[in-house]
N, C-alpha and C. Protein backbone atom coordinates (compact mmCIF):
# COMPACT_ATOMS: atom_id res chain seq x y z
N UNK A 1 -27.50 -25.46 0.55
CA UNK A 1 -27.52 -24.96 -0.82
C UNK A 1 -26.37 -23.96 -0.98
N UNK A 2 -25.63 -24.10 -2.07
CA UNK A 2 -24.52 -23.18 -2.32
C UNK A 2 -25.04 -21.87 -2.91
N UNK A 3 -24.20 -20.85 -2.83
CA UNK A 3 -24.58 -19.55 -3.38
C UNK A 3 -24.78 -19.65 -4.89
N UNK A 4 -23.98 -20.50 -5.57
CA UNK A 4 -24.12 -20.66 -7.01
C UNK A 4 -25.49 -21.24 -7.38
N UNK A 5 -26.03 -22.10 -6.51
CA UNK A 5 -27.32 -22.72 -6.78
C UNK A 5 -28.47 -21.71 -6.70
N UNK A 6 -28.26 -20.60 -6.01
CA UNK A 6 -29.30 -19.59 -5.91
C UNK A 6 -29.50 -18.82 -7.21
N UNK A 7 -28.50 -18.82 -8.08
CA UNK A 7 -28.56 -18.10 -9.34
C UNK A 7 -28.73 -19.10 -10.47
N UNK A 8 -29.49 -18.72 -11.48
CA UNK A 8 -29.75 -19.67 -12.55
C UNK A 8 -29.03 -19.35 -13.86
N UNK A 9 -28.16 -18.36 -13.87
CA UNK A 9 -27.38 -18.08 -15.07
C UNK A 9 -25.92 -17.92 -14.70
N UNK A 10 -25.05 -18.33 -15.61
CA UNK A 10 -23.63 -18.22 -15.36
C UNK A 10 -23.21 -16.77 -15.15
N UNK A 11 -23.75 -15.84 -15.97
CA UNK A 11 -23.37 -14.44 -15.88
C UNK A 11 -23.64 -13.85 -14.50
N UNK A 12 -24.77 -14.16 -13.93
CA UNK A 12 -25.10 -13.65 -12.60
C UNK A 12 -24.17 -14.28 -11.56
N UNK A 13 -23.94 -15.58 -11.66
CA UNK A 13 -23.07 -16.27 -10.71
C UNK A 13 -21.66 -15.72 -10.77
N UNK A 14 -21.11 -15.56 -11.98
CA UNK A 14 -19.75 -15.08 -12.13
C UNK A 14 -19.62 -13.66 -11.61
N UNK A 15 -20.58 -12.79 -11.93
CA UNK A 15 -20.54 -11.41 -11.44
C UNK A 15 -20.66 -11.37 -9.92
N UNK A 16 -21.45 -12.26 -9.34
CA UNK A 16 -21.58 -12.29 -7.88
C UNK A 16 -20.26 -12.72 -7.23
N UNK A 17 -19.61 -13.72 -7.82
CA UNK A 17 -18.37 -14.23 -7.25
C UNK A 17 -17.19 -13.30 -7.51
N UNK A 18 -17.28 -12.44 -8.54
CA UNK A 18 -16.22 -11.50 -8.90
C UNK A 18 -16.81 -10.10 -9.02
N UNK A 19 -17.27 -9.51 -7.92
CA UNK A 19 -17.94 -8.21 -7.99
C UNK A 19 -16.99 -7.06 -8.34
N UNK A 20 -17.56 -6.05 -8.96
CA UNK A 20 -16.81 -4.84 -9.25
C UNK A 20 -16.68 -4.04 -7.96
N UNK A 21 -15.46 -3.72 -7.54
CA UNK A 21 -15.28 -2.94 -6.30
C UNK A 21 -15.97 -1.59 -6.39
N UNK A 22 -16.43 -1.10 -5.28
CA UNK A 22 -17.13 0.19 -5.23
C UNK A 22 -16.13 1.33 -5.09
N UNK A 23 -15.41 1.58 -6.16
CA UNK A 23 -14.48 2.70 -6.20
C UNK A 23 -15.20 3.90 -6.80
N UNK A 24 -14.68 5.07 -6.54
CA UNK A 24 -15.26 6.28 -7.14
C UNK A 24 -15.22 6.13 -8.66
N UNK A 25 -16.30 6.53 -9.33
CA UNK A 25 -16.38 6.39 -10.79
C UNK A 25 -15.22 7.09 -11.49
N UNK A 26 -14.69 8.12 -10.88
CA UNK A 26 -13.59 8.85 -11.51
C UNK A 26 -12.32 8.02 -11.59
N UNK A 27 -12.24 6.93 -10.80
CA UNK A 27 -11.05 6.08 -10.83
C UNK A 27 -10.98 5.27 -12.13
N UNK A 28 -12.10 5.01 -12.76
CA UNK A 28 -12.16 4.22 -13.98
C UNK A 28 -12.11 5.17 -15.17
N UNK A 29 -11.05 5.09 -15.96
CA UNK A 29 -10.90 6.00 -17.12
C UNK A 29 -12.05 5.88 -18.11
N UNK A 30 -12.65 4.71 -18.21
CA UNK A 30 -13.71 4.48 -19.19
C UNK A 30 -15.08 4.95 -18.72
N UNK A 31 -15.22 5.27 -17.42
CA UNK A 31 -16.53 5.57 -16.85
C UNK A 31 -17.27 6.69 -17.56
N UNK A 32 -16.58 7.72 -17.93
CA UNK A 32 -17.22 8.86 -18.57
C UNK A 32 -16.84 8.99 -20.05
N UNK A 33 -16.22 7.96 -20.61
CA UNK A 33 -15.78 8.03 -22.01
C UNK A 33 -17.01 8.08 -22.91
N UNK A 34 -16.97 8.94 -23.91
CA UNK A 34 -18.13 9.22 -24.76
C UNK A 34 -18.62 8.09 -25.64
N UNK A 35 -17.76 7.17 -26.04
CA UNK A 35 -18.17 6.13 -26.97
C UNK A 35 -17.87 4.75 -26.39
N UNK A 36 -18.84 4.15 -25.70
CA UNK A 36 -18.58 2.85 -25.09
C UNK A 36 -18.37 1.73 -26.11
N UNK A 37 -18.76 1.94 -27.36
CA UNK A 37 -18.59 0.91 -28.38
C UNK A 37 -17.13 0.60 -28.68
N UNK A 38 -16.21 1.53 -28.39
CA UNK A 38 -14.79 1.26 -28.66
C UNK A 38 -14.27 0.11 -27.79
N UNK A 39 -14.95 -0.19 -26.70
CA UNK A 39 -14.51 -1.27 -25.83
C UNK A 39 -15.00 -2.64 -26.31
N UNK A 40 -15.76 -2.64 -27.40
CA UNK A 40 -16.13 -3.85 -28.14
C UNK A 40 -15.71 -3.61 -29.58
N UNK A 41 -14.41 -3.55 -29.83
CA UNK A 41 -13.91 -3.09 -31.12
C UNK A 41 -14.22 -4.03 -32.28
N UNK A 42 -14.48 -3.40 -33.43
CA UNK A 42 -14.71 -4.15 -34.66
C UNK A 42 -13.56 -3.97 -35.64
N UNK A 43 -12.61 -3.09 -35.29
CA UNK A 43 -11.43 -2.91 -36.13
C UNK A 43 -10.25 -2.47 -35.25
N UNK A 44 -9.09 -2.46 -35.86
CA UNK A 44 -7.86 -2.15 -35.11
C UNK A 44 -7.84 -0.70 -34.59
N UNK A 45 -8.47 0.23 -35.32
CA UNK A 45 -8.51 1.63 -34.86
C UNK A 45 -9.28 1.75 -33.56
N UNK A 46 -10.41 1.07 -33.46
CA UNK A 46 -11.17 1.10 -32.21
C UNK A 46 -10.40 0.43 -31.08
N UNK A 47 -9.70 -0.64 -31.39
CA UNK A 47 -8.90 -1.32 -30.36
C UNK A 47 -7.82 -0.38 -29.83
N UNK A 48 -7.14 0.32 -30.73
CA UNK A 48 -6.11 1.27 -30.31
C UNK A 48 -6.70 2.40 -29.47
N UNK A 49 -7.89 2.87 -29.86
CA UNK A 49 -8.55 3.94 -29.10
C UNK A 49 -8.88 3.46 -27.68
N UNK A 50 -9.42 2.25 -27.57
CA UNK A 50 -9.75 1.71 -26.25
C UNK A 50 -8.49 1.53 -25.41
N UNK A 51 -7.42 1.04 -26.02
CA UNK A 51 -6.18 0.85 -25.29
C UNK A 51 -5.59 2.18 -24.83
N UNK A 52 -5.81 3.23 -25.61
CA UNK A 52 -5.36 4.56 -25.23
C UNK A 52 -6.12 5.05 -23.99
N UNK A 53 -7.43 4.81 -23.97
CA UNK A 53 -8.24 5.21 -22.82
C UNK A 53 -7.76 4.46 -21.56
N UNK A 54 -7.44 3.20 -21.72
CA UNK A 54 -7.02 2.36 -20.60
C UNK A 54 -5.58 2.65 -20.16
N UNK A 55 -4.80 3.28 -21.01
CA UNK A 55 -3.37 3.46 -20.79
C UNK A 55 -2.97 4.00 -19.44
N UNK A 56 -3.60 5.06 -18.97
CA UNK A 56 -3.22 5.69 -17.70
C UNK A 56 -4.23 5.41 -16.58
N UNK A 57 -5.08 4.43 -16.78
CA UNK A 57 -6.15 4.16 -15.81
C UNK A 57 -5.56 3.63 -14.50
N UNK A 58 -6.07 4.17 -13.40
CA UNK A 58 -5.59 3.80 -12.06
C UNK A 58 -5.97 2.38 -11.67
N UNK A 59 -7.01 1.82 -12.30
CA UNK A 59 -7.49 0.48 -11.93
C UNK A 59 -7.36 -0.50 -13.10
N UNK A 60 -6.40 -0.26 -13.96
CA UNK A 60 -6.22 -1.09 -15.15
C UNK A 60 -6.01 -2.57 -14.82
N UNK A 61 -5.13 -2.86 -13.88
CA UNK A 61 -4.85 -4.25 -13.51
C UNK A 61 -6.09 -4.93 -12.92
N UNK A 62 -6.81 -4.22 -12.07
CA UNK A 62 -8.02 -4.75 -11.47
C UNK A 62 -9.06 -5.03 -12.56
N UNK A 63 -9.18 -4.12 -13.51
CA UNK A 63 -10.14 -4.27 -14.60
C UNK A 63 -9.83 -5.53 -15.41
N UNK A 64 -8.56 -5.72 -15.76
CA UNK A 64 -8.16 -6.91 -16.52
C UNK A 64 -8.45 -8.18 -15.71
N UNK A 65 -8.14 -8.14 -14.43
CA UNK A 65 -8.40 -9.29 -13.57
C UNK A 65 -9.89 -9.64 -13.56
N UNK A 66 -10.75 -8.62 -13.47
CA UNK A 66 -12.20 -8.85 -13.50
C UNK A 66 -12.63 -9.44 -14.84
N UNK A 67 -12.11 -8.88 -15.94
CA UNK A 67 -12.47 -9.37 -17.26
C UNK A 67 -12.10 -10.83 -17.47
N UNK A 68 -10.93 -11.20 -17.02
CA UNK A 68 -10.49 -12.59 -17.16
C UNK A 68 -11.31 -13.52 -16.26
N UNK A 69 -11.51 -13.12 -15.01
CA UNK A 69 -12.23 -13.98 -14.06
C UNK A 69 -13.70 -14.13 -14.41
N UNK A 70 -14.27 -13.17 -15.14
CA UNK A 70 -15.68 -13.23 -15.54
C UNK A 70 -15.87 -13.79 -16.95
N UNK A 71 -14.77 -14.19 -17.60
CA UNK A 71 -14.84 -14.68 -18.99
C UNK A 71 -15.48 -13.64 -19.91
N UNK A 72 -15.08 -12.38 -19.76
CA UNK A 72 -15.67 -11.28 -20.50
C UNK A 72 -15.16 -11.20 -21.95
N UNK A 73 -15.87 -10.39 -22.73
CA UNK A 73 -15.55 -10.11 -24.12
C UNK A 73 -15.30 -8.61 -24.25
N UNK A 74 -14.41 -8.21 -25.12
CA UNK A 74 -14.13 -6.80 -25.34
C UNK A 74 -12.83 -6.39 -24.66
N UNK A 75 -12.62 -5.08 -24.54
CA UNK A 75 -11.38 -4.56 -23.96
C UNK A 75 -11.57 -4.35 -22.46
N UNK A 76 -10.71 -5.00 -21.69
CA UNK A 76 -10.69 -4.92 -20.24
C UNK A 76 -9.27 -4.64 -19.82
N UNK A 77 -9.03 -3.54 -19.16
CA UNK A 77 -7.68 -3.20 -18.72
C UNK A 77 -6.70 -3.05 -19.87
N UNK A 78 -7.20 -2.64 -21.02
CA UNK A 78 -6.34 -2.43 -22.18
C UNK A 78 -6.05 -3.68 -22.99
N UNK A 79 -6.66 -4.80 -22.61
CA UNK A 79 -6.43 -6.07 -23.30
C UNK A 79 -7.74 -6.54 -23.94
N UNK A 80 -7.68 -6.93 -25.19
CA UNK A 80 -8.85 -7.46 -25.89
C UNK A 80 -9.07 -8.89 -25.45
N UNK A 81 -10.25 -9.18 -24.92
CA UNK A 81 -10.59 -10.51 -24.43
C UNK A 81 -11.71 -11.12 -25.25
N UNK A 82 -11.67 -12.42 -25.37
CA UNK A 82 -12.77 -13.19 -25.95
C UNK A 82 -13.02 -14.35 -25.01
N UNK A 83 -14.13 -14.29 -24.28
CA UNK A 83 -14.40 -15.31 -23.29
C UNK A 83 -13.36 -15.37 -22.19
N UNK A 84 -12.79 -14.21 -21.86
CA UNK A 84 -11.78 -14.13 -20.81
C UNK A 84 -10.37 -14.46 -21.25
N UNK A 85 -10.20 -14.79 -22.52
CA UNK A 85 -8.87 -15.14 -23.06
C UNK A 85 -8.36 -13.98 -23.91
N UNK A 86 -7.10 -13.58 -23.70
CA UNK A 86 -6.53 -12.46 -24.47
C UNK A 86 -6.41 -12.78 -25.96
N UNK A 87 -6.72 -11.78 -26.78
CA UNK A 87 -6.53 -11.86 -28.23
C UNK A 87 -5.49 -10.82 -28.62
N UNK A 88 -4.76 -11.11 -29.66
CA UNK A 88 -3.74 -10.17 -30.12
C UNK A 88 -4.32 -9.09 -31.02
N UNK A 89 -5.38 -9.44 -31.75
CA UNK A 89 -5.99 -8.48 -32.68
C UNK A 89 -7.48 -8.74 -32.81
N UNK A 90 -8.17 -7.78 -33.38
CA UNK A 90 -9.61 -7.90 -33.60
C UNK A 90 -9.84 -8.95 -34.69
N UNK A 91 -10.77 -9.84 -34.43
CA UNK A 91 -11.09 -10.85 -35.44
C UNK A 91 -11.84 -10.21 -36.59
N UNK A 92 -11.52 -10.65 -37.78
CA UNK A 92 -12.20 -10.15 -38.97
C UNK A 92 -13.55 -10.83 -39.10
N UNK A 93 -14.56 -10.11 -39.56
CA UNK A 93 -15.88 -10.72 -39.73
C UNK A 93 -15.85 -11.75 -40.86
N UNK A 94 -16.75 -12.69 -40.81
CA UNK A 94 -16.85 -13.70 -41.87
C UNK A 94 -16.16 -14.99 -41.49
N UNK A 95 -16.12 -15.87 -42.44
CA UNK A 95 -15.52 -17.18 -42.21
C UNK A 95 -14.00 -17.08 -42.31
N UNK A 96 -13.31 -17.90 -41.52
CA UNK A 96 -11.85 -17.88 -41.61
C UNK A 96 -11.38 -18.43 -42.96
N UNK A 97 -10.20 -18.00 -43.37
CA UNK A 97 -9.63 -18.48 -44.63
C UNK A 97 -9.32 -19.97 -44.51
N UNK A 98 -9.46 -20.64 -45.65
CA UNK A 98 -9.11 -22.06 -45.69
C UNK A 98 -7.59 -22.17 -45.70
N UNK A 99 -7.10 -23.13 -44.96
CA UNK A 99 -5.67 -23.37 -44.91
C UNK A 99 -5.40 -24.68 -45.63
N UNK A 100 -4.55 -24.64 -46.64
CA UNK A 100 -4.26 -25.87 -47.37
C UNK A 100 -3.38 -26.78 -46.52
N UNK A 101 -3.72 -28.04 -46.55
CA UNK A 101 -3.03 -29.02 -45.69
C UNK A 101 -1.77 -29.54 -46.30
């Protein structure tokens, strides 16, 4: 039996295969940041705030690598991800505009 078969959800399997290294919490700039919601931004101001927090982080590259490998959503290593894929900007709520053909 494979290790993946022991887990019944993708999230648990992915986190097991891509664990967060046990570094001191002080190494992660976001660890003690007061507003964790900025890392799931709903507007460009929150995205900029999250990117500012990530700017000088000692583990920024590792964080981004984890976010991509885990198919994460939100800001990881200063990059906005949706299902592990980088986005250039925060998506606007609602239905997308119709594009005339």
